[in-house]
Amino acid sequence: MSRYIGLIGYPLKHSISPYFQQAALDYYRLDVRYEAWETSPAQLQDIVNDLRKPQNVGANVTVPYKETVLPLLDEVDDLASSIGAVNTIVKKDDRLLGFNTDAYGFIEALDKEGHFDPEGKQVVILGAGGVARAVGFALVQRKVASLAITDGIFERARALAENLVRYIKGASSSSKDLEPDVTAFQWQSLSSAGTFENCDLIVHCTTIGMKHSSQEGQSPLSLEVIPRSVLVYDLVYNPWLTPLLGLAQKAGANTLGGLPMLVYQGAASFKLWTGKEAPVDIMFNKAKEILTGGEG
């Protein structure tokens, strides 16, 4: 009997995860199909409950459900619980366990592809949803000097900043390390170049510019505000060259696209489902082939 892993999100037209995850499953000759399960908000509870059926192995969770899926699971591991977001569900017996591999994928790509050490650096995060939560958590653990967070809904940015401050205080009570300065600011400030003065890293965590989205072709930042000295890390991976990355290149900034993070987080999910080391090169090659070939 074939078994199944699903990708739960809405919409999913932009996603290339089914292609590179299937390539990894086929590499090990596993009788497992990785499928896109586009899920409306009204369907979410039923789709998650269906994971308990014998043929299902687990799922990835993407926008907009990384936070809302938590109460539907039987258990959430400490990392995902601290972050407040789940992107990987594993079925063990008839229990659904939640994990977060986004934090790992983000840092792995930043290290290996971006060649950037965040310790002591000043960082701005655009967005405060599920992936931004993982990014903020990962950067705090890597001892950034400061983290400024914004979102179209200011309350989300403030809530994430407060969550990170609480985590820092809890984690550093027995440590004398310098605590990162974490703040939230208004989205409108993105139109001012002064917002990015002394900034070392800008991480874009919204869907602005994503293929097939309502904001396809748009950038959260204008050319004038992007400093030359910064690394712009856009977690949108489809298209390959996003509007933001195009502007960052024109500004003379360093750039990193979202594909490496996608593959590294997917590789960590693959190991959780199968117990096998992910064939990362095969996953990368398939992902690049799909993106540059115009599919997905």
Protein backbone atom coordinates (compact mmCIF):
# COMPACT_ATOMS: atom_id res chain seq x y z
CA MET A 1 0.00 0.00 0.00
CA SER A 2 1.31 3.42 -0.95
CA ARG A 3 1.74 5.84 1.91
CA TYR A 4 1.36 9.60 1.77
CA ILE A 5 2.91 12.83 3.01
CA GLY A 6 0.96 16.04 2.41
CA LEU A 7 1.72 19.73 2.13
CA ILE A 8 -1.00 21.67 3.97
CA GLY A 9 -1.44 25.32 3.03
CA TYR A 10 -3.48 27.82 1.05
CA PRO A 11 -2.86 28.66 -1.71
CA LEU A 12 -0.28 26.13 -2.94
CA LYS A 13 0.07 26.95 -6.64
CA HIS A 14 3.55 28.43 -6.06
CA SER A 15 4.93 25.44 -4.14
CA ILE A 16 7.74 23.25 -5.45
CA SER A 17 8.04 21.08 -2.31
CA PRO A 18 6.19 18.11 -3.90
CA TYR A 19 8.82 17.92 -6.67
CA PHE A 20 11.99 17.86 -4.58
CA GLN A 21 10.51 15.82 -1.72
CA GLN A 22 9.30 13.19 -4.21
CA ALA A 23 12.80 13.09 -5.74
CA ALA A 24 14.22 12.34 -2.27
CA LEU A 25 11.63 9.63 -1.57
CA ASP A 26 12.28 8.05 -4.98
CA TYR A 27 16.04 8.08 -4.32
CA TYR A 28 15.43 5.62 -1.46
CA ARG A 29 12.77 3.76 -3.51
CA LEU A 30 10.19 4.38 -0.81
CA ASP A 31 6.57 3.68 -1.72
CA VAL A 32 5.54 7.13 -0.44
CA ARG A 33 3.83 9.90 -2.42
CA TYR A 34 4.31 13.54 -1.45
CA GLU A 35 1.23 15.54 -2.45
CA ALA A 36 0.00 19.13 -2.27
CA TRP A 37 -3.15 19.25 -0.16
CA GLU A 38 -4.54 22.75 -0.72
CA THR A 39 -6.63 23.37 2.37
CA SER A 40 -9.15 26.12 3.01
CA PRO A 41 -9.45 27.38 6.63
CA ALA A 42 -12.75 25.50 7.04
CA GLN A 43 -11.05 22.22 6.02
CA LEU A 44 -7.95 22.50 8.22
CA GLN A 45 -9.17 20.48 11.21
CA ASP A 46 -10.48 17.64 9.03
CA ILE A 47 -7.31 17.48 6.90
CA VAL A 48 -5.10 17.34 10.02
CA ASN A 49 -7.31 14.65 11.57
CA ASP A 50 -7.08 12.62 8.34
CA LEU A 51 -3.32 12.34 8.95
CA ARG A 52 -4.17 9.67 11.55
CA LYS A 53 -5.31 7.29 8.80
CA PRO A 54 -2.99 4.27 8.35
CA GLN A 55 -1.70 5.31 4.91
CA ASN A 56 -0.43 8.73 6.07
CA VAL A 57 3.10 9.39 7.31
CA GLY A 58 2.87 13.09 8.11
CA ALA A 59 2.82 16.52 6.53
CA ASN A 60 4.48 19.85 5.98
CA VAL A 61 2.53 22.93 7.02
CA THR A 62 2.94 26.24 5.20
CA VAL A 63 1.24 29.64 4.95
CA PRO A 64 -1.13 30.49 6.61
CA TYR A 65 -1.40 27.59 9.10
CA LYS A 66 1.97 27.31 10.88
CA GLU A 67 0.55 28.88 14.04
CA THR A 68 -3.11 27.79 13.85
CA VAL A 69 -2.21 24.10 13.52
CA LEU A 70 -0.67 23.81 17.00
CA PRO A 71 -3.86 23.09 19.00
CA LEU A 72 -4.86 20.37 16.50
CA LEU A 73 -1.81 18.24 17.37
CA ASP A 74 -1.30 15.75 20.21
CA GLU A 75 2.17 16.95 21.08
CA VAL A 76 4.49 19.78 20.00
CA ASP A 77 8.24 19.54 20.63
CA ASP A 78 9.99 22.14 22.80
CA LEU A 79 11.55 24.08 19.92
CA ALA A 80 8.29 24.41 17.95
CA SER A 81 6.44 25.26 21.16
CA SER A 82 8.91 28.06 22.00
CA ILE A 83 8.71 29.40 18.45
CA GLY A 84 4.92 29.10 18.40
CA ALA A 85 4.87 27.64 14.91
CA VAL A 86 4.90 24.14 13.37
CA ASN A 87 5.94 23.33 9.81
CA THR A 88 6.31 19.54 10.10
CA ILE A 89 3.86 16.95 11.42
CA VAL A 90 4.95 13.36 12.05
CA LYS A 91 2.48 10.57 12.78
CA LYS A 92 3.75 8.20 15.44
CA ASP A 93 1.31 5.34 16.10
CA ASP A 94 -1.95 7.30 16.03
CA ARG A 95 -0.52 10.47 17.57
CA LEU A 96 0.38 13.63 15.66
CA LEU A 97 3.65 15.28 16.71
CA GLY A 98 4.57 18.84 15.67
CA PHE A 99 8.08 20.08 14.87
CA ASN A 100 9.69 23.21 13.44
CA THR A 101 12.49 22.75 10.89
CA ASP A 102 12.26 26.33 9.59
CA ALA A 103 14.69 27.66 12.22
CA TYR A 104 17.27 25.03 11.21
CA GLY A 105 16.70 25.62 7.49
CA PHE A 106 17.03 29.39 7.88
CA ILE A 107 20.35 29.25 9.75
CA GLU A 108 21.78 26.44 7.60
CA ALA A 109 21.19 28.51 4.45
CA LEU A 110 22.50 31.69 6.10
CA ASP A 111 25.71 29.89 7.09
CA LYS A 112 26.34 27.72 4.04
CA GLU A 113 24.95 29.84 1.19
CA GLY A 114 24.99 33.35 2.65
CA HIS A 115 28.38 32.96 4.44
CA PHE A 116 27.00 35.26 7.13
CA ASP A 117 27.54 34.98 10.89
CA PRO A 118 24.67 36.78 12.68
CA GLU A 119 26.45 37.09 16.06
CA GLY A 120 26.71 40.73 17.08
CA LYS A 121 24.88 41.95 13.97
CA GLN A 122 21.91 44.30 13.57
CA VAL A 123 18.94 42.67 11.84
CA VAL A 124 15.57 43.83 10.49
CA ILE A 125 12.79 41.25 9.95
CA LEU A 126 9.94 42.07 7.56
CA GLY A 127 6.85 40.11 8.63
CA ALA A 128 5.76 38.48 11.89
CA GLY A 129 3.98 35.27 10.81
CA GLY A 130 4.95 31.65 11.33
CA VAL A 131 8.24 31.73 9.41
CA ALA A 132 9.25 35.06 10.97
CA ARG A 133 8.77 33.49 14.40
CA ALA A 134 11.27 30.75 13.51
CA VAL A 135 13.70 33.30 12.04
CA GLY A 136 13.53 35.55 15.11
CA PHE A 137 14.06 32.61 17.44
CA ALA A 138 17.04 31.33 15.42
CA LEU A 139 18.70 34.77 15.31
CA VAL A 140 18.26 35.34 19.04
CA GLN A 141 19.89 31.96 19.69
CA ARG A 142 22.78 33.04 17.46
CA LYS A 143 23.26 36.18 19.58
CA VAL A 144 22.45 39.03 17.23
CA ALA A 145 23.02 42.48 18.75
CA SER A 146 19.61 43.80 17.76
CA LEU A 147 16.42 42.62 16.08
CA ALA A 148 13.83 45.06 14.74
CA ILE A 149 10.55 43.46 13.58
CA THR A 150 7.76 44.94 11.48
CA ASP A 151 4.52 43.62 10.00
CA GLY A 152 1.55 45.05 8.11
CA ILE A 153 -0.36 44.38 11.34
CA PHE A 154 1.71 46.14 14.00
CA GLU A 155 0.19 44.08 16.84
CA ARG A 156 1.67 40.90 15.33
CA ALA A 157 5.14 42.46 15.23
CA ARG A 158 4.81 43.67 18.83
CA ALA A 159 3.56 40.26 20.02
CA LEU A 160 6.51 38.50 18.36
CA ALA A 161 8.98 40.99 19.84
CA GLU A 162 7.48 40.50 23.31
CA ASN A 163 7.58 36.72 22.89
CA LEU A 164 11.28 36.85 21.97
CA VAL A 165 12.10 39.17 24.89
CA ARG A 166 10.41 36.71 27.29
CA TYR A 167 12.40 33.85 25.76
CA ILE A 168 15.69 35.79 26.05
CA LYS A 169 15.04 36.63 29.70
CA GLY A 170 14.27 32.98 30.48
CA ALA A 171 17.28 31.67 28.56
CA SER A 172 19.78 34.19 29.93
CA SER A 173 18.81 34.14 33.61
CA SER A 174 21.81 31.91 34.32
CA SER A 175 24.04 33.48 31.68
CA LYS A 176 25.98 36.71 31.50
CA ASP A 177 25.77 36.98 27.72
CA LEU A 178 24.67 40.29 26.26
CA GLU A 179 20.97 40.19 25.53
CA PRO A 180 19.82 41.15 22.02
CA ASP A 181 17.77 44.34 21.82
CA VAL A 182 14.41 43.29 20.31
CA THR A 183 11.90 45.90 19.16
CA ALA A 184 8.84 46.24 16.91
CA PHE A 185 8.24 49.14 14.53
CA GLN A 186 5.56 50.39 12.14
CA TRP A 187 5.46 49.03 8.56
CA GLN A 188 5.25 52.60 7.21
CA SER A 189 8.83 53.19 8.41
CA LEU A 190 10.07 50.92 5.59
CA SER A 191 9.84 53.90 3.24
CA SER A 192 12.59 55.69 5.20
CA ALA A 193 16.26 54.95 4.51
CA GLY A 194 17.00 55.79 8.16
CA THR A 195 15.25 52.57 9.19
CA PHE A 196 18.16 50.56 7.78
CA GLU A 197 21.01 52.73 9.04
CA ASN A 198 23.70 50.44 10.49
CA CYS A 199 21.65 47.36 9.49
CA ASP A 200 23.68 44.26 8.55
CA LEU A 201 20.90 41.85 7.53
CA ILE A 202 17.34 42.30 6.21
CA VAL A 203 15.18 39.15 6.27
CA HIS A 204 11.95 39.21 4.25
CA CYS A 205 9.35 36.82 5.72
CA THR A 206 6.11 37.84 3.98
CA THR A 207 4.61 36.58 0.69
CA ILE A 208 5.06 39.95 -1.10
CA GLY A 209 6.55 39.23 -4.55
CA MET A 210 5.64 35.53 -4.52
CA LYS A 211 4.56 33.98 -7.79
CA HIS A 212 0.78 33.40 -8.02
CA SER A 213 0.15 35.60 -4.95
CA SER A 214 -2.00 38.75 -4.91
CA GLN A 215 1.23 40.76 -4.54
CA GLU A 216 3.19 39.07 -7.31
CA GLY A 217 5.67 41.49 -8.91
CA GLN A 218 5.83 43.73 -5.82
CA SER A 219 8.64 44.46 -3.35
CA PRO A 220 8.30 45.41 0.33
CA LEU A 221 11.22 47.84 -0.08
CA SER A 222 12.09 50.51 -2.63
CA LEU A 223 15.54 50.78 -4.21
CA GLU A 224 16.35 54.01 -2.34
CA VAL A 225 16.17 52.53 1.17
CA ILE A 226 18.39 49.46 0.63
CA PRO A 227 21.96 50.04 1.89
CA ARG A 228 24.92 48.74 -0.14
CA SER A 229 26.52 47.17 2.93
CA VAL A 230 23.58 44.91 3.83
CA LEU A 231 22.69 41.27 3.10
CA VAL A 232 19.10 41.00 1.83
CA TYR A 233 17.73 37.50 2.51
CA ASP A 234 14.35 36.98 0.82
CA LEU A 235 12.58 33.82 2.00
CA VAL A 236 10.27 33.95 -1.04
CA TYR A 237 11.77 31.35 -3.41
CA ASN A 238 9.38 31.48 -6.38
CA PRO A 239 10.32 33.31 -8.58
CA TRP A 240 14.04 32.57 -8.38
CA LEU A 241 14.85 36.31 -8.63
CA THR A 242 12.18 38.11 -6.61
CA PRO A 243 11.40 41.83 -7.11
CA LEU A 244 13.11 42.56 -3.76
CA LEU A 245 16.29 40.68 -4.72
CA GLY A 246 16.35 42.46 -8.09
CA LEU A 247 16.24 45.86 -6.34
CA ALA A 248 18.83 44.77 -3.76
CA GLN A 249 21.22 43.76 -6.55
CA LYS A 250 20.71 47.16 -8.22
CA ALA A 251 21.50 48.83 -4.89
CA GLY A 252 24.77 46.88 -4.72
CA ALA A 253 23.72 44.86 -1.68
CA ASN A 254 24.51 41.18 -1.13
CA THR A 255 21.56 38.85 -1.71
CA LEU A 256 20.34 35.40 -0.71
CA GLY A 257 17.15 33.82 -2.09
CA GLY A 258 14.71 31.56 -0.29
CA LEU A 259 15.42 28.28 -2.10
CA PRO A 260 18.29 27.06 0.15
CA MET A 261 16.19 27.55 3.28
CA LEU A 262 13.28 25.71 1.64
CA VAL A 263 15.48 22.74 0.77
CA TYR A 264 17.31 22.59 4.12
CA GLN A 265 14.09 22.73 6.14
CA GLY A 266 12.63 20.11 3.79
CA ALA A 267 15.67 17.89 4.31
CA ALA A 268 15.20 18.07 8.09
CA SER A 269 11.50 17.21 7.67
CA PHE A 270 12.43 14.26 5.42
CA LYS A 271 14.64 12.81 8.16
CA LEU A 272 11.86 13.17 10.75
CA TRP A 273 9.41 11.24 8.52
CA THR A 274 11.74 8.53 7.21
CA GLY A 275 14.61 8.25 9.70
CA LYS A 276 16.98 8.52 6.71
CA GLU A 277 19.54 11.18 5.83
CA ALA A 278 18.04 13.42 3.17
CA PRO A 279 19.78 13.39 -0.25
CA VAL A 280 20.24 17.17 -0.15
CA ASP A 281 22.05 17.46 -3.51
CA ILE A 282 19.22 15.60 -5.28
CA MET A 283 16.66 17.84 -3.58
CA PHE A 284 18.57 21.00 -4.56
CA ASN A 285 18.97 19.89 -8.17
CA LYS A 286 15.29 19.06 -8.57
CA ALA A 287 14.19 22.31 -6.90
CA LYS A 288 16.45 24.38 -9.17
CA GLU A 289 15.30 22.47 -12.24
CA ILE A 290 11.64 23.17 -11.46
CA LEU A 291 12.18 26.85 -10.64
CA THR A 292 14.39 27.70 -13.60
CA GLY A 293 12.33 25.52 -15.95
CA GLY A 294 9.28 27.66 -15.30
CA GLU A 295 7.19 24.99 -13.55
CA GLY A 296 5.85 25.05 -9.99
